[in-house]
Amino acid sequence: MRKNVSMMIAATALAVAALATQNANATDAAKGKVLYDQSCSSCHGADGKGGLPGVPDLTAKKGVLSQADTVLTDRITNGYQSPGSPMGMPPKGGNASLTKDDIEAILAYMHKAFGVPGK
């Protein structure tokens, strides 16, 4: 009997943790949308398809967003110029006030909105 109760408690704890993670991810994505709209959409477009020549299409299934989040975080934080692109992305998309948490929220939003899962 004790074993069954312990198993039920453990299962409940796992379910609660899973819901908390799911809610945190949804919150991050909602915050990320606001930050994306403010800091990223002028070049990448509201639809993620790239609003300027040389800006990558974030919706491409094997494109930029298919890379590891550590790579993407580094590129957003420090800036990046794609090979062959006439212009580079400035550090933090030109928004020096972005924090590490903000960048993670932006990535969560982009993965959700543009249908390319994170790694």
PDB file of N, CA and C in Angstrom:
ATOM      1  N   MET A   1       0.828  -1.199   0.000  1.00  0.00           N
ATOM      2  CA  MET A   1       0.000   0.000   0.000  1.00  0.00           C
ATOM      3  C   MET A   1       0.870   1.259   0.000  1.00  0.00           C
ATOM      4  N   ARG A   2       1.914   1.294   0.859  1.00  0.00           N
ATOM      5  CA  ARG A   2       2.793   2.458   0.909  1.00  0.00           C
ATOM      6  C   ARG A   2       3.493   2.673  -0.430  1.00  0.00           C
ATOM      7  N   LYS A   3       3.870   1.560  -1.064  1.00  0.00           N
ATOM      8  CA  LYS A   3       4.551   1.647  -2.348  1.00  0.00           C
ATOM      9  C   LYS A   3       3.642   2.301  -3.391  1.00  0.00           C
ATOM     10  N   ASN A   4       2.369   1.935  -3.400  1.00  0.00           N
ATOM     11  CA  ASN A   4       1.419   2.520  -4.344  1.00  0.00           C
ATOM     12  C   ASN A   4       1.223   4.013  -4.088  1.00  0.00           C
ATOM     13  N   VAL A   5       1.140   4.388  -2.821  1.00  0.00           N
ATOM     14  CA  VAL A   5       0.972   5.800  -2.466  1.00  0.00           C
ATOM     15  C   VAL A   5       2.210   6.581  -2.886  1.00  0.00           C
ATOM     16  N   SER A   6       3.385   6.024  -2.628  1.00  0.00           N
ATOM     17  CA  SER A   6       4.634   6.686  -3.022  1.00  0.00           C
ATOM     18  C   SER A   6       4.708   6.855  -4.535  1.00  0.00           C
ATOM     19  N   MET A   7       4.285   5.839  -5.264  1.00  0.00           N
ATOM     20  CA  MET A   7       4.294   5.915  -6.722  1.00  0.00           C
ATOM     21  C   MET A   7       3.313   6.978  -7.216  1.00  0.00           C
ATOM     22  N   MET A   8       2.146   7.065  -6.568  1.00  0.00           N
ATOM     23  CA  MET A   8       1.152   8.065  -6.956  1.00  0.00           C
ATOM     24  C   MET A   8       1.674   9.470  -6.677  1.00  0.00           C
ATOM     25  N   ILE A   9       2.348   9.655  -5.543  1.00  0.00           N
ATOM     26  CA  ILE A   9       2.913  10.960  -5.206  1.00  0.00           C
ATOM     27  C   ILE A   9       3.987  11.340  -6.215  1.00  0.00           C
ATOM     28  N   ALA A  10       4.842  10.387  -6.546  1.00  0.00           N
ATOM     29  CA  ALA A  10       5.911  10.654  -7.518  1.00  0.00           C
ATOM     30  C   ALA A  10       5.324  11.004  -8.884  1.00  0.00           C
ATOM     31  N   ALA A  11       4.305  10.286  -9.313  1.00  0.00           N
ATOM     32  CA  ALA A  11       3.675  10.557 -10.605  1.00  0.00           C
ATOM     33  C   ALA A  11       3.027  11.939 -10.608  1.00  0.00           C
ATOM     34  N   THR A  12       2.396  12.296  -9.515  1.00  0.00           N
ATOM     35  CA  THR A  12       1.767  13.610  -9.402  1.00  0.00           C
ATOM     36  C   THR A  12       2.824  14.712  -9.459  1.00  0.00           C
ATOM     37  N   ALA A  13       3.935  14.505  -8.762  1.00  0.00           N
ATOM     38  CA  ALA A  13       5.014  15.495  -8.766  1.00  0.00           C
ATOM     39  C   ALA A  13       5.573  15.678 -10.178  1.00  0.00           C
ATOM     40  N   LEU A  14       5.724  14.586 -10.917  1.00  0.00           N
ATOM     41  CA  LEU A  14       6.209  14.680 -12.298  1.00  0.00           C
ATOM     42  C   LEU A  14       5.221  15.432 -13.183  1.00  0.00           C
ATOM     43  N   ALA A  15       3.954  15.170 -12.993  1.00  0.00           N
ATOM     44  CA  ALA A  15       2.929  15.855 -13.791  1.00  0.00           C
ATOM     45  C   ALA A  15       2.918  17.351 -13.491  1.00  0.00           C
ATOM     46  N   VAL A  16       3.044  17.716 -12.226  1.00  0.00           N
ATOM     47  CA  VAL A  16       3.079  19.128 -11.837  1.00  0.00           C
ATOM     48  C   VAL A  16       4.313  19.807 -12.433  1.00  0.00           C
ATOM     49  N   ALA A  17       5.454  19.138 -12.383  1.00  0.00           N
ATOM     50  CA  ALA A  17       6.687  19.699 -12.956  1.00  0.00           C
ATOM     51  C   ALA A  17       6.547  19.889 -14.467  1.00  0.00           C
ATOM     52  N   ALA A  18       5.928  18.928 -15.138  1.00  0.00           N
ATOM     53  CA  ALA A  18       5.728  19.037 -16.588  1.00  0.00           C
ATOM     54  C   ALA A  18       4.822  20.217 -16.927  1.00  0.00           C
ATOM     55  N   LEU A  19       3.755  20.400 -16.155  1.00  0.00           N
ATOM     56  CA  LEU A  19       2.858  21.538 -16.387  1.00  0.00           C
ATOM     57  C   LEU A  19       3.564  22.861 -16.124  1.00  0.00           C
ATOM     58  N   ALA A  20       4.384  22.914 -15.088  1.00  0.00           N
ATOM     59  CA  ALA A  20       5.123  24.138 -14.785  1.00  0.00           C
ATOM     60  C   ALA A  20       6.077  24.483 -15.924  1.00  0.00           C
ATOM     61  N   THR A  21       6.749  23.483 -16.463  1.00  0.00           N
ATOM     62  CA  THR A  21       7.661  23.707 -17.591  1.00  0.00           C
ATOM     63  C   THR A  21       6.895  24.184 -18.808  1.00  0.00           C
ATOM     64  N   GLN A  22       5.760  23.560 -19.072  1.00  0.00           N
ATOM     65  CA  GLN A  22       4.928  23.953 -20.212  1.00  0.00           C
ATOM     66  C   GLN A  22       4.451  25.396 -20.057  1.00  0.00           C
ATOM     67  N   ASN A  23       4.022  25.768 -18.860  1.00  0.00           N
ATOM     68  CA  ASN A  23       3.573  27.138 -18.616  1.00  0.00           C
ATOM     69  C   ASN A  23       4.722  28.133 -18.743  1.00  0.00           C
ATOM     70  N   ALA A  24       5.906  27.764 -18.249  1.00  0.00           N
ATOM     71  CA  ALA A  24       7.080  28.637 -18.358  1.00  0.00           C
ATOM     72  C   ALA A  24       7.441  28.844 -19.819  1.00  0.00           C
ATOM     73  N   ASN A  25       7.381  27.783 -20.624  1.00  0.00           N
ATOM     74  CA  ASN A  25       7.690  27.904 -22.042  1.00  0.00           C
ATOM     75  C   ASN A  25       6.687  28.815 -22.749  1.00  0.00           C
ATOM     76  N   ALA A  26       5.422  28.703 -22.392  1.00  0.00           N
ATOM     77  CA  ALA A  26       4.392  29.555 -22.990  1.00  0.00           C
ATOM     78  C   ALA A  26       4.615  31.014 -22.591  1.00  0.00           C
ATOM     79  N   THR A  27       4.979  31.236 -21.327  1.00  0.00           N
ATOM     80  CA  THR A  27       5.249  32.588 -20.851  1.00  0.00           C
ATOM     81  C   THR A  27       6.458  33.162 -21.572  1.00  0.00           C
ATOM     82  N   ASP A  28       7.532  32.352 -21.708  1.00  0.00           N
ATOM     83  CA  ASP A  28       8.724  32.801 -22.422  1.00  0.00           C
ATOM     84  C   ASP A  28       8.391  33.169 -23.859  1.00  0.00           C
ATOM     85  N   ALA A  29       7.579  32.343 -24.521  1.00  0.00           N
ATOM     86  CA  ALA A  29       7.224  32.612 -25.913  1.00  0.00           C
ATOM     87  C   ALA A  29       6.408  33.905 -26.023  1.00  0.00           C
ATOM     88  N   ALA A  30       5.509  34.155 -25.079  1.00  0.00           N
ATOM     89  CA  ALA A  30       4.709  35.384 -25.114  1.00  0.00           C
ATOM     90  C   ALA A  30       5.602  36.610 -24.905  1.00  0.00           C
ATOM     91  N   LYS A  31       6.510  36.529 -23.942  1.00  0.00           N
ATOM     92  CA  LYS A  31       7.469  37.617 -23.712  1.00  0.00           C
ATOM     93  C   LYS A  31       8.371  37.765 -24.940  1.00  0.00           C
ATOM     94  N   GLY A  32       8.781  36.630 -25.503  1.00  0.00           N
ATOM     95  CA  GLY A  32       9.653  36.637 -26.669  1.00  0.00           C
ATOM     96  C   GLY A  32       9.020  37.308 -27.869  1.00  0.00           C
ATOM     97  N   LYS A  33       7.701  37.151 -28.040  1.00  0.00           N
ATOM     98  CA  LYS A  33       7.014  37.798 -29.164  1.00  0.00           C
ATOM     99  C   LYS A  33       7.117  39.316 -29.056  1.00  0.00           C
ATOM    100  N   VAL A  34       6.880  39.833 -27.869  1.00  0.00           N
ATOM    101  CA  VAL A  34       6.976  41.278 -27.654  1.00  0.00           C
ATOM    102  C   VAL A  34       8.387  41.758 -27.970  1.00  0.00           C
ATOM    103  N   LEU A  35       9.388  41.033 -27.465  1.00  0.00           N
ATOM    104  CA  LEU A  35      10.779  41.416 -27.696  1.00  0.00           C
ATOM    105  C   LEU A  35      11.174  41.255 -29.168  1.00  0.00           C
ATOM    106  N   TYR A  36      10.693  40.182 -29.803  1.00  0.00           N
ATOM    107  CA  TYR A  36      10.968  39.973 -31.231  1.00  0.00           C
ATOM    108  C   TYR A  36      10.388  41.133 -32.042  1.00  0.00           C
ATOM    109  N   ASP A  37       9.139  41.493 -31.744  1.00  0.00           N
ATOM    110  CA  ASP A  37       8.494  42.590 -32.470  1.00  0.00           C
ATOM    111  C   ASP A  37       9.279  43.900 -32.312  1.00  0.00           C
ATOM    112  N   GLN A  38       9.850  44.118 -31.128  1.00  0.00           N
ATOM    113  CA  GLN A  38      10.587  45.351 -30.860  1.00  0.00           C
ATOM    114  C   GLN A  38      12.001  45.346 -31.441  1.00  0.00           C
ATOM    115  N   SER A  39      12.663  44.189 -31.417  1.00  0.00           N
ATOM    116  CA  SER A  39      14.096  44.155 -31.712  1.00  0.00           C
ATOM    117  C   SER A  39      14.484  43.415 -32.988  1.00  0.00           C
ATOM    118  N   CYS A  40      13.617  42.572 -33.508  1.00  0.00           N
ATOM    119  CA  CYS A  40      14.022  41.682 -34.600  1.00  0.00           C
ATOM    120  C   CYS A  40      13.203  41.837 -35.884  1.00  0.00           C
ATOM    121  N   SER A  41      11.937  42.175 -35.729  1.00  0.00           N
ATOM    122  CA  SER A  41      11.031  42.121 -36.876  1.00  0.00           C
ATOM    123  C   SER A  41      11.340  43.146 -37.964  1.00  0.00           C
ATOM    124  N   SER A  42      12.025  44.228 -37.631  1.00  0.00           N
ATOM    125  CA  SER A  42      12.310  45.222 -38.667  1.00  0.00           C
ATOM    126  C   SER A  42      13.203  44.645 -39.759  1.00  0.00           C
ATOM    127  N   CYS A  43      14.055  43.677 -39.427  1.00  0.00           N
ATOM    128  CA  CYS A  43      14.900  43.021 -40.440  1.00  0.00           C
ATOM    129  C   CYS A  43      14.369  41.638 -40.816  1.00  0.00           C
ATOM    130  N   HIS A  44      13.968  40.871 -39.802  1.00  0.00           N
ATOM    131  CA  HIS A  44      13.545  39.486 -40.060  1.00  0.00           C
ATOM    132  C   HIS A  44      12.080  39.380 -40.472  1.00  0.00           C
ATOM    133  N   GLY A  45      11.321  40.460 -40.321  1.00  0.00           N
ATOM    134  CA  GLY A  45       9.915  40.457 -40.692  1.00  0.00           C
ATOM    135  C   GLY A  45       9.035  39.840 -39.624  1.00  0.00           C
ATOM    136  N   ALA A  46       7.815  40.294 -39.546  1.00  0.00           N
ATOM    137  CA  ALA A  46       6.862  39.747 -38.581  1.00  0.00           C
ATOM    138  C   ALA A  46       6.615  38.264 -38.840  1.00  0.00           C
ATOM    139  N   ASP A  47       6.738  37.861 -40.114  1.00  0.00           N
ATOM    140  CA  ASP A  47       6.509  36.458 -40.466  1.00  0.00           C
ATOM    141  C   ASP A  47       7.776  35.615 -40.433  1.00  0.00           C
ATOM    142  N   GLY A  48       8.940  36.243 -40.118  1.00  0.00           N
ATOM    143  CA  GLY A  48      10.197  35.523 -40.018  1.00  0.00           C
ATOM    144  C   GLY A  48      10.866  35.193 -41.341  1.00  0.00           C
ATOM    145  N   LYS A  49      10.293  35.656 -42.428  1.00  0.00           N
ATOM    146  CA  LYS A  49      10.818  35.285 -43.754  1.00  0.00           C
ATOM    147  C   LYS A  49      11.963  36.178 -44.224  1.00  0.00           C
ATOM    148  N   GLY A  50      12.304  37.197 -43.447  1.00  0.00           N
ATOM    149  CA  GLY A  50      13.396  38.086 -43.831  1.00  0.00           C
ATOM    150  C   GLY A  50      12.867  39.254 -44.621  1.00  0.00           C
ATOM    151  N   GLY A  51      12.948  40.434 -44.049  1.00  0.00           N
ATOM    152  CA  GLY A  51      12.386  41.614 -44.689  1.00  0.00           C
ATOM    153  C   GLY A  51      13.365  42.393 -45.541  1.00  0.00           C
ATOM    154  N   LEU A  52      14.656  42.043 -45.470  1.00  0.00           N
ATOM    155  CA  LEU A  52      15.681  42.772 -46.217  1.00  0.00           C
ATOM    156  C   LEU A  52      16.569  41.789 -46.973  1.00  0.00           C
ATOM    157  N   PRO A  53      17.195  42.234 -48.069  1.00  0.00           N
ATOM    158  CA  PRO A  53      18.097  41.339 -48.802  1.00  0.00           C
ATOM    159  C   PRO A  53      19.225  40.820 -47.892  1.00  0.00           C
ATOM    160  N   GLY A  54      19.478  39.528 -47.973  1.00  0.00           N
ATOM    161  CA  GLY A  54      20.539  38.920 -47.178  1.00  0.00           C
ATOM    162  C   GLY A  54      20.131  38.474 -45.797  1.00  0.00           C
ATOM    163  N   VAL A  55      18.924  38.826 -45.362  1.00  0.00           N
ATOM    164  CA  VAL A  55      18.439  38.410 -44.044  1.00  0.00           C
ATOM    165  C   VAL A  55      17.833  37.013 -44.186  1.00  0.00           C
ATOM    166  N   PRO A  56      18.267  36.048 -43.364  1.00  0.00           N
ATOM    167  CA  PRO A  56      17.803  34.675 -43.547  1.00  0.00           C
ATOM    168  C   PRO A  56      16.318  34.484 -43.228  1.00  0.00           C
ATOM    169  N   ASP A  57      15.738  33.506 -43.892  1.00  0.00           N
ATOM    170  CA  ASP A  57      14.353  33.081 -43.670  1.00  0.00           C
ATOM    171  C   ASP A  57      14.339  32.195 -42.423  1.00  0.00           C
ATOM    172  N   LEU A  58      13.750  32.694 -41.354  1.00  0.00           N
ATOM    173  CA  LEU A  58      13.706  31.952 -40.093  1.00  0.00           C
ATOM    174  C   LEU A  58      12.705  30.803 -40.125  1.00  0.00           C
ATOM    175  N   THR A  59      11.882  30.750 -41.158  1.00  0.00           N
ATOM    176  CA  THR A  59      10.872  29.692 -41.238  1.00  0.00           C
ATOM    177  C   THR A  59      11.376  28.452 -41.975  1.00  0.00           C
ATOM    178  N   ALA A  60      12.550  28.528 -42.588  1.00  0.00           N
ATOM    179  CA  ALA A  60      13.097  27.397 -43.351  1.00  0.00           C
ATOM    180  C   ALA A  60      13.407  26.235 -42.400  1.00  0.00           C
ATOM    181  N   LYS A  61      12.861  25.069 -42.689  1.00  0.00           N
ATOM    182  CA  LYS A  61      13.001  23.910 -41.792  1.00  0.00           C
ATOM    183  C   LYS A  61      14.453  23.515 -41.536  1.00  0.00           C
ATOM    184  N   LYS A  62      15.335  23.708 -42.503  1.00  0.00           N
ATOM    185  CA  LYS A  62      16.752  23.377 -42.317  1.00  0.00           C
ATOM    186  C   LYS A  62      17.599  24.647 -42.327  1.00  0.00           C
ATOM    187  N   GLY A  63      16.974  25.759 -41.953  1.00  0.00           N
ATOM    188  CA  GLY A  63      17.654  27.044 -41.975  1.00  0.00           C
ATOM    189  C   GLY A  63      18.288  27.400 -40.645  1.00  0.00           C
ATOM    190  N   VAL A  64      18.396  28.673 -40.431  1.00  0.00           N
ATOM    191  CA  VAL A  64      19.083  29.226 -39.264  1.00  0.00           C
ATOM    192  C   VAL A  64      18.559  28.655 -37.946  1.00  0.00           C
ATOM    193  N   LEU A  65      17.254  28.598 -37.775  1.00  0.00           N
ATOM    194  CA  LEU A  65      16.689  28.157 -36.494  1.00  0.00           C
ATOM    195  C   LEU A  65      16.872  26.661 -36.225  1.00  0.00           C
ATOM    196  N   SER A  66      17.331  25.913 -37.212  1.00  0.00           N
ATOM    197  CA  SER A  66      17.561  24.478 -36.980  1.00  0.00           C
ATOM    198  C   SER A  66      18.898  24.237 -36.280  1.00  0.00           C
ATOM    199  N   GLN A  67      19.689  25.280 -36.104  1.00  0.00           N
ATOM    200  CA  GLN A  67      20.961  25.162 -35.399  1.00  0.00           C
ATOM    201  C   GLN A  67      20.728  25.089 -33.891  1.00  0.00           C
ATOM    202  N   ALA A  68      21.755  24.667 -33.168  1.00  0.00           N
ATOM    203  CA  ALA A  68      21.666  24.562 -31.709  1.00  0.00           C
ATOM    204  C   ALA A  68      21.395  25.932 -31.097  1.00  0.00           C
ATOM    205  N   ASP A  69      20.577  25.953 -30.055  1.00  0.00           N
ATOM    206  CA  ASP A  69      20.252  27.209 -29.391  1.00  0.00           C
ATOM    207  C   ASP A  69      21.497  27.899 -28.836  1.00  0.00           C
ATOM    208  N   THR A  70      22.531  27.136 -28.465  1.00  0.00           N
ATOM    209  CA  THR A  70      23.762  27.760 -27.972  1.00  0.00           C
ATOM    210  C   THR A  70      24.411  28.595 -29.079  1.00  0.00           C
ATOM    211  N   VAL A  71      24.375  28.090 -30.305  1.00  0.00           N
ATOM    212  CA  VAL A  71      24.923  28.825 -31.452  1.00  0.00           C
ATOM    213  C   VAL A  71      24.083  30.078 -31.704  1.00  0.00           C
ATOM    214  N   LEU A  72      22.772  29.915 -31.689  1.00  0.00           N
ATOM    215  CA  LEU A  72      21.879  31.045 -31.953  1.00  0.00           C
ATOM    216  C   LEU A  72      21.998  32.114 -30.870  1.00  0.00           C
ATOM    217  N   THR A  73      22.088  31.689 -29.616  1.00  0.00           N
ATOM    218  CA  THR A  73      22.246  32.634 -28.512  1.00  0.00           C
ATOM    219  C   THR A  73      23.530  33.433 -28.681  1.00  0.00           C
ATOM    220  N   ASP A  74      24.605  32.751 -29.050  1.00  0.00           N
ATOM    221  CA  ASP A  74      25.880  33.431 -29.262  1.00  0.00           C
ATOM    222  C   ASP A  74      25.770  34.448 -30.401  1.00  0.00           C
ATOM    223  N   ARG A  75      25.131  34.056 -31.484  1.00  0.00           N
ATOM    224  CA  ARG A  75      25.010  34.958 -32.637  1.00  0.00           C
ATOM    225  C   ARG A  75      24.142  36.170 -32.321  1.00  0.00           C
ATOM    226  N   ILE A  76      23.076  35.944 -31.576  1.00  0.00           N
ATOM    227  CA  ILE A  76      22.217  37.078 -31.201  1.00  0.00           C
ATOM    228  C   ILE A  76      22.971  37.990 -30.241  1.00  0.00           C
ATOM    229  N   THR A  77      23.644  37.411 -29.272  1.00  0.00           N
ATOM    230  CA  THR A  77      24.363  38.183 -28.263  1.00  0.00           C
ATOM    231  C   THR A  77      25.507  38.995 -28.871  1.00  0.00           C
ATOM    232  N   ASN A  78      26.281  38.373 -29.725  1.00  0.00           N
ATOM    233  CA  ASN A  78      27.509  38.990 -30.235  1.00  0.00           C
ATOM    234  C   ASN A  78      27.408  39.539 -31.649  1.00  0.00           C
ATOM    235  N   GLY A  79      26.284  39.316 -32.309  1.00  0.00           N
ATOM    236  CA  GLY A  79      26.127  39.729 -33.694  1.00  0.00           C
ATOM    237  C   GLY A  79      26.672  38.652 -34.626  1.00  0.00           C
ATOM    238  N   TYR A  80      26.252  38.730 -35.883  1.00  0.00           N
ATOM    239  CA  TYR A  80      26.679  37.711 -36.845  1.00  0.00           C
ATOM    240  C   TYR A  80      26.432  38.211 -38.266  1.00  0.00           C
ATOM    241  N   GLN A  81      27.357  37.872 -39.148  1.00  0.00           N
ATOM    242  CA  GLN A  81      27.159  38.168 -40.564  1.00  0.00           C
ATOM    243  C   GLN A  81      27.210  36.860 -41.330  1.00  0.00           C
ATOM    244  N   SER A  82      26.098  36.511 -41.965  1.00  0.00           N
ATOM    245  CA  SER A  82      26.030  35.290 -42.767  1.00  0.00           C
ATOM    246  C   SER A  82      26.977  35.410 -43.949  1.00  0.00           C
ATOM    247  N   PRO A  83      27.637  34.315 -44.311  1.00  0.00           N
ATOM    248  CA  PRO A  83      28.505  34.347 -45.487  1.00  0.00           C
ATOM    249  C   PRO A  83      27.719  34.814 -46.715  1.00  0.00           C
ATOM    250  N   GLY A  84      28.289  35.768 -47.436  1.00  0.00           N
ATOM    251  CA  GLY A  84      27.649  36.277 -48.649  1.00  0.00           C
ATOM    252  C   GLY A  84      26.605  37.351 -48.412  1.00  0.00           C
ATOM    253  N   SER A  85      26.280  37.625 -47.153  1.00  0.00           N
ATOM    254  CA  SER A  85      25.273  38.643 -46.864  1.00  0.00           C
ATOM    255  C   SER A  85      25.917  40.025 -46.915  1.00  0.00           C
ATOM    256  N   PRO A  86      25.221  40.998 -47.499  1.00  0.00           N
ATOM    257  CA  PRO A  86      25.798  42.339 -47.587  1.00  0.00           C
ATOM    258  C   PRO A  86      25.832  43.088 -46.249  1.00  0.00           C
ATOM    259  N   MET A  87      25.116  42.568 -45.251  1.00  0.00           N
ATOM    260  CA  MET A  87      25.100  43.239 -43.947  1.00  0.00           C
ATOM    261  C   MET A  87      25.021  42.197 -42.845  1.00  0.00           C
ATOM    262  N   GLY A  88      25.475  42.592 -41.677  1.00  0.00           N
ATOM    263  CA  GLY A  88      25.433  41.683 -40.538  1.00  0.00           C
ATOM    264  C   GLY A  88      24.412  42.120 -39.516  1.00  0.00           C
ATOM    265  N   MET A  89      24.045  41.169 -38.653  1.00  0.00           N
ATOM    266  CA  MET A  89      23.161  41.497 -37.539  1.00  0.00           C
ATOM    267  C   MET A  89      24.024  42.070 -36.420  1.00  0.00           C
ATOM    268  N   PRO A  90      23.674  43.236 -35.900  1.00  0.00           N
ATOM    269  CA  PRO A  90      24.458  43.795 -34.800  1.00  0.00           C
ATOM    270  C   PRO A  90      24.223  43.002 -33.515  1.00  0.00           C
ATOM    271  N   PRO A  91      25.148  43.097 -32.569  1.00  0.00           N
ATOM    272  CA  PRO A  91      24.926  42.432 -31.278  1.00  0.00           C
ATOM    273  C   PRO A  91      23.558  42.799 -30.702  1.00  0.00           C
ATOM    274  N   LYS A  92      22.867  41.769 -30.233  1.00  0.00           N
ATOM    275  CA  LYS A  92      21.541  41.912 -29.628  1.00  0.00           C
ATOM    276  C   LYS A  92      20.553  42.608 -30.562  1.00  0.00           C
ATOM    277  N   GLY A  93      20.776  42.444 -31.856  1.00  0.00           N
ATOM    278  CA  GLY A  93      19.882  43.058 -32.832  1.00  0.00           C
ATOM    279  C   GLY A  93      19.840  44.563 -32.734  1.00  0.00           C
ATOM    280  N   GLY A  94      20.875  45.146 -32.124  1.00  0.00           N
ATOM    281  CA  GLY A  94      20.921  46.592 -31.941  1.00  0.00           C
ATOM    282  C   GLY A  94      20.247  47.060 -30.665  1.00  0.00           C
ATOM    283  N   ASN A  95      19.719  46.132 -29.864  1.00  0.00           N
ATOM    284  CA  ASN A  95      19.040  46.489 -28.612  1.00  0.00           C
ATOM    285  C   ASN A  95      19.935  46.071 -27.438  1.00  0.00           C
ATOM    286  N   ALA A  96      20.820  46.962 -27.023  1.00  0.00           N
ATOM    287  CA  ALA A  96      21.804  46.655 -25.982  1.00  0.00           C
ATOM    288  C   ALA A  96      21.169  46.253 -24.649  1.00  0.00           C
ATOM    289  N   SER A  97      19.901  46.562 -24.451  1.00  0.00           N
ATOM    290  CA  SER A  97      19.268  46.249 -23.166  1.00  0.00           C
ATOM    291  C   SER A  97      18.787  44.798 -23.060  1.00  0.00           C
ATOM    292  N   LEU A  98      18.861  44.024 -24.154  1.00  0.00           N
ATOM    293  CA  LEU A  98      18.422  42.623 -24.078  1.00  0.00           C
ATOM    294  C   LEU A  98      19.301  41.833 -23.114  1.00  0.00           C
ATOM    295  N   THR A  99      18.649  41.067 -22.255  1.00  0.00           N
ATOM    296  CA  THR A  99      19.358  40.211 -21.306  1.00  0.00           C
ATOM    297  C   THR A  99      19.418  38.785 -21.858  1.00  0.00           C
ATOM    298  N   LYS A 100      20.161  37.934 -21.170  1.00  0.00           N
ATOM    299  CA  LYS A 100      20.235  36.527 -21.553  1.00  0.00           C
ATOM    300  C   LYS A 100      18.826  35.905 -21.525  1.00  0.00           C
ATOM    301  N   ASP A 101      18.049  36.228 -20.497  1.00  0.00           N
ATOM    302  CA  ASP A 101      16.671  35.722 -20.401  1.00  0.00           C
ATOM    303  C   ASP A 101      15.814  36.232 -21.556  1.00  0.00           C
ATOM    304  N   ASP A 102      16.014  37.483 -21.943  1.00  0.00           N
ATOM    305  CA  ASP A 102      15.273  38.045 -23.074  1.00  0.00           C
ATOM    306  C   ASP A 102      15.591  37.276 -24.354  1.00  0.00           C
ATOM    307  N   ILE A 103      16.863  36.992 -24.561  1.00  0.00           N
ATOM    308  CA  ILE A 103      17.290  36.277 -25.767  1.00  0.00           C
ATOM    309  C   ILE A 103      16.715  34.865 -25.775  1.00  0.00           C
ATOM    310  N   GLU A 104      16.704  34.210 -24.626  1.00  0.00           N
ATOM    311  CA  GLU A 104      16.095  32.881 -24.536  1.00  0.00           C
ATOM    312  C   GLU A 104      14.601  32.938 -24.834  1.00  0.00           C
ATOM    313  N   ALA A 105      13.941  33.993 -24.381  1.00  0.00           N
ATOM    314  CA  ALA A 105      12.509  34.159 -24.657  1.00  0.00           C
ATOM    315  C   ALA A 105      12.272  34.403 -26.149  1.00  0.00           C
ATOM    316  N   ILE A 106      13.126  35.186 -26.770  1.00  0.00           N
ATOM    317  CA  ILE A 106      13.010  35.426 -28.212  1.00  0.00           C
ATOM    318  C   ILE A 106      13.177  34.118 -28.971  1.00  0.00           C
ATOM    319  N   LEU A 107      14.161  33.312 -28.590  1.00  0.00           N
ATOM    320  CA  LEU A 107      14.356  32.016 -29.245  1.00  0.00           C
ATOM    321  C   LEU A 107      13.139  31.110 -29.053  1.00  0.00           C
ATOM    322  N   ALA A 108      12.592  31.093 -27.844  1.00  0.00           N
ATOM    323  CA  ALA A 108      11.397  30.274 -27.586  1.00  0.00           C
ATOM    324  C   ALA A 108      10.256  30.709 -28.501  1.00  0.00           C
ATOM    325  N   TYR A 109      10.079  32.020 -28.635  1.00  0.00           N
ATOM    326  CA  TYR A 109       9.033  32.534 -29.519  1.00  0.00           C
ATOM    327  C   TYR A 109       9.300  32.144 -30.968  1.00  0.00           C
ATOM    328  N   MET A 110      10.522  32.351 -31.439  1.00  0.00           N
ATOM    329  CA  MET A 110      10.820  32.066 -32.847  1.00  0.00           C
ATOM    330  C   MET A 110      10.609  30.590 -33.164  1.00  0.00           C
ATOM    331  N   HIS A 111      11.038  29.711 -32.280  1.00  0.00           N
ATOM    332  CA  HIS A 111      10.839  28.275 -32.518  1.00  0.00           C
ATOM    333  C   HIS A 111       9.341  27.947 -32.608  1.00  0.00           C
ATOM    334  N   LYS A 112       8.569  28.525 -31.703  1.00  0.00           N
ATOM    335  CA  LYS A 112       7.131  28.254 -31.688  1.00  0.00           C
ATOM    336  C   LYS A 112       6.437  28.893 -32.893  1.00  0.00           C
ATOM    337  N   ALA A 113       6.720  30.158 -33.144  1.00  0.00           N
ATOM    338  CA  ALA A 113       6.006  30.884 -34.194  1.00  0.00           C
ATOM    339  C   ALA A 113       6.380  30.446 -35.603  1.00  0.00           C
ATOM    340  N   PHE A 114       7.639  30.059 -35.795  1.00  0.00           N
ATOM    341  CA  PHE A 114       8.105  29.760 -37.143  1.00  0.00           C
ATOM    342  C   PHE A 114       8.218  28.257 -37.394  1.00  0.00           C
ATOM    343  N   GLY A 115       7.773  27.455 -36.425  1.00  0.00           N
ATOM    344  CA  GLY A 115       7.659  26.013 -36.621  1.00  0.00           C
ATOM    345  C   GLY A 115       8.960  25.252 -36.784  1.00  0.00           C
ATOM    346  N   VAL A 116      10.051  25.805 -36.224  1.00  0.00           N
ATOM    347  CA  VAL A 116      11.331  25.113 -36.288  1.00  0.00           C
ATOM    348  C   VAL A 116      11.740  24.815 -34.847  1.00  0.00           C
ATOM    349  N   PRO A 117      11.679  23.535 -34.438  1.00  0.00           N
ATOM    350  CA  PRO A 117      11.975  23.195 -33.044  1.00  0.00           C
ATOM    351  C   PRO A 117      13.406  23.541 -32.645  1.00  0.00           C
ATOM    352  N   GLY A 118      13.578  23.893 -31.373  1.00  0.00           N
ATOM    353  CA  GLY A 118      14.908  24.200 -30.846  1.00  0.00           C
ATOM    354  C   GLY A 118      15.682  22.953 -30.511  1.00  0.00           C
ATOM    355  N   LYS A 119      16.974  23.147 -30.342  1.00  0.00           N
ATOM    356  CA  LYS A 119      17.857  22.037 -29.966  1.00  0.00           C
ATOM    357  C   LYS A 119      18.555  22.363 -28.675  1.00  0.00           C
TER     358      LYS A 119
END
